Amino acid sequence: MKSFKLDAEKMEADKETIAVTMTGHRNDRKPTDLVVRYDFVREAGSWRIDDIRGASDGEAWSIRKMLTDSLKS
């Protein structure tokens, strides 16, 4: 990774989404693959990670979905 940029995309009293755009030495990646989103929720007065989302080869992925799907198997 060469550099990164943080953007607060969504800010509410009990939810936030932070987008992290990463820049590397490879230029062959799709623009959507360079952004990872961290979804936070406020529970019991503390911020907690609710999900981590991104894309690989343009296909969306979500840690929450992967975990939910693995429990169904």
C-alpha atoms as a PDB file:
ATOM      1  CA  MET A   1       0.000   0.000   0.000  1.00  0.00           C
ATOM      2  CA  LYS A   2       1.290   3.386  -0.985  1.00  0.00           C
ATOM      3  CA  SER A   3      -1.283   5.597   0.753  1.00  0.00           C
ATOM      4  CA  PHE A   4      -4.820   5.686   2.078  1.00  0.00           C
ATOM      5  CA  LYS A   5      -7.621   8.206   2.618  1.00  0.00           C
ATOM      6  CA  LEU A   6     -10.442   8.116   5.171  1.00  0.00           C
ATOM      7  CA  ASP A   7     -13.883   9.553   4.472  1.00  0.00           C
ATOM      8  CA  ALA A   8     -16.852   9.661   6.835  1.00  0.00           C
ATOM      9  CA  GLU A   9     -19.632   8.688   4.435  1.00  0.00           C
ATOM     10  CA  LYS A  10     -22.494   8.393   6.876  1.00  0.00           C
ATOM     11  CA  MET A  11     -22.698   9.871  10.362  1.00  0.00           C
ATOM     12  CA  GLU A  12     -25.755   9.426  12.547  1.00  0.00           C
ATOM     13  CA  ALA A  13     -26.227   9.314  16.302  1.00  0.00           C
ATOM     14  CA  ASP A  14     -25.988   5.513  16.429  1.00  0.00           C
ATOM     15  CA  LYS A  15     -24.463   4.531  13.043  1.00  0.00           C
ATOM     16  CA  GLU A  16     -21.398   5.550  11.052  1.00  0.00           C
ATOM     17  CA  THR A  17     -19.708   4.374   7.878  1.00  0.00           C
ATOM     18  CA  ILE A  18     -16.059   5.138   7.254  1.00  0.00           C
ATOM     19  CA  ALA A  19     -14.674   4.526   3.753  1.00  0.00           C
ATOM     20  CA  VAL A  20     -10.966   3.772   3.422  1.00  0.00           C
ATOM     21  CA  THR A  21      -9.575   4.250  -0.084  1.00  0.00           C
ATOM     22  CA  MET A  22      -6.222   2.523  -0.523  1.00  0.00           C
ATOM     23  CA  THR A  23      -3.700   3.325  -3.214  1.00  0.00           C
ATOM     24  CA  GLY A  24      -0.976   0.875  -4.088  1.00  0.00           C
ATOM     25  CA  HIS A  25       1.728   0.317  -6.618  1.00  0.00           C
ATOM     26  CA  ARG A  26      -0.565  -1.743  -8.864  1.00  0.00           C
ATOM     27  CA  ASN A  27      -2.816   0.179 -11.255  1.00  0.00           C
ATOM     28  CA  ASP A  28      -4.739  -2.807 -12.616  1.00  0.00           C
ATOM     29  CA  ARG A  29      -7.454  -2.880  -9.931  1.00  0.00           C
ATOM     30  CA  LYS A  30     -11.010  -1.692 -10.393  1.00  0.00           C
ATOM     31  CA  PRO A  31     -11.818   1.541  -8.505  1.00  0.00           C
ATOM     32  CA  THR A  32     -14.420  -0.276  -6.371  1.00  0.00           C
ATOM     33  CA  ASP A  33     -11.744  -2.743  -5.235  1.00  0.00           C
ATOM     34  CA  LEU A  34      -9.737   0.071  -3.671  1.00  0.00           C
ATOM     35  CA  VAL A  35     -12.397   1.050  -1.108  1.00  0.00           C
ATOM     36  CA  VAL A  36     -13.160  -0.813   2.126  1.00  0.00           C
ATOM     37  CA  ARG A  37     -16.104   0.408   4.222  1.00  0.00           C
ATOM     38  CA  TYR A  38     -16.319  -0.026   7.966  1.00  0.00           C
ATOM     39  CA  ASP A  39     -19.837   0.157   9.381  1.00  0.00           C
ATOM     40  CA  PHE A  40     -20.049   1.047  13.063  1.00  0.00           C
ATOM     41  CA  VAL A  41     -22.982   0.983  15.488  1.00  0.00           C
ATOM     42  CA  ARG A  42     -23.209   2.483  18.944  1.00  0.00           C
ATOM     43  CA  GLU A  43     -24.172  -0.113  21.551  1.00  0.00           C
ATOM     44  CA  ALA A  44     -24.190   0.442  25.291  1.00  0.00           C
ATOM     45  CA  GLY A  45     -22.344   3.755  24.838  1.00  0.00           C
ATOM     46  CA  SER A  46     -19.478   2.277  22.793  1.00  0.00           C
ATOM     47  CA  TRP A  47     -18.791   2.141  19.053  1.00  0.00           C
ATOM     48  CA  ARG A  48     -18.528  -1.377  17.638  1.00  0.00           C
ATOM     49  CA  ILE A  49     -17.781  -2.676  14.161  1.00  0.00           C
ATOM     50  CA  ASP A  50     -21.019  -3.930  12.607  1.00  0.00           C
ATOM     51  CA  ASP A  51     -19.675  -4.934   9.191  1.00  0.00           C
ATOM     52  CA  ILE A  52     -16.690  -4.569   6.868  1.00  0.00           C
ATOM     53  CA  ARG A  53     -17.534  -4.312   3.153  1.00  0.00           C
ATOM     54  CA  GLY A  54     -15.617  -4.042  -0.082  1.00  0.00           C
ATOM     55  CA  ALA A  55     -15.228  -5.544  -3.536  1.00  0.00           C
ATOM     56  CA  SER A  56     -12.897  -7.973  -5.263  1.00  0.00           C
ATOM     57  CA  ASP A  57     -12.742  -7.902  -9.062  1.00  0.00           C
ATOM     58  CA  GLY A  58     -15.817  -5.684  -8.923  1.00  0.00           C
ATOM     59  CA  GLU A  59     -17.841  -8.237  -6.922  1.00  0.00           C
ATOM     60  CA  ALA A  60     -19.128  -6.956  -3.582  1.00  0.00           C
ATOM     61  CA  TRP A  61     -18.269  -8.792  -0.370  1.00  0.00           C
ATOM     62  CA  SER A  62     -19.285  -8.355   3.250  1.00  0.00           C
ATOM     63  CA  ILE A  63     -17.780  -9.948   6.351  1.00  0.00           C
ATOM     64  CA  ARG A  64     -21.260 -10.047   7.931  1.00  0.00           C
ATOM     65  CA  LYS A  65     -22.680 -11.897   4.896  1.00  0.00           C
ATOM     66  CA  MET A  66     -19.766 -14.359   4.814  1.00  0.00           C
ATOM     67  CA  LEU A  67     -20.263 -15.192   8.487  1.00  0.00           C
ATOM     68  CA  THR A  68     -24.048 -15.464   8.131  1.00  0.00           C
ATOM     69  CA  ASP A  69     -23.688 -17.724   5.086  1.00  0.00           C
ATOM     70  CA  SER A  70     -21.158 -19.944   6.857  1.00  0.00           C
ATOM     71  CA  LEU A  71     -23.608 -20.527   9.717  1.00  0.00           C
ATOM     72  CA  LYS A  72     -26.272 -21.673   7.241  1.00  0.00           C
ATOM     73  CA  SER A  73     -24.030 -24.455   5.878  1.00  0.00           C
END
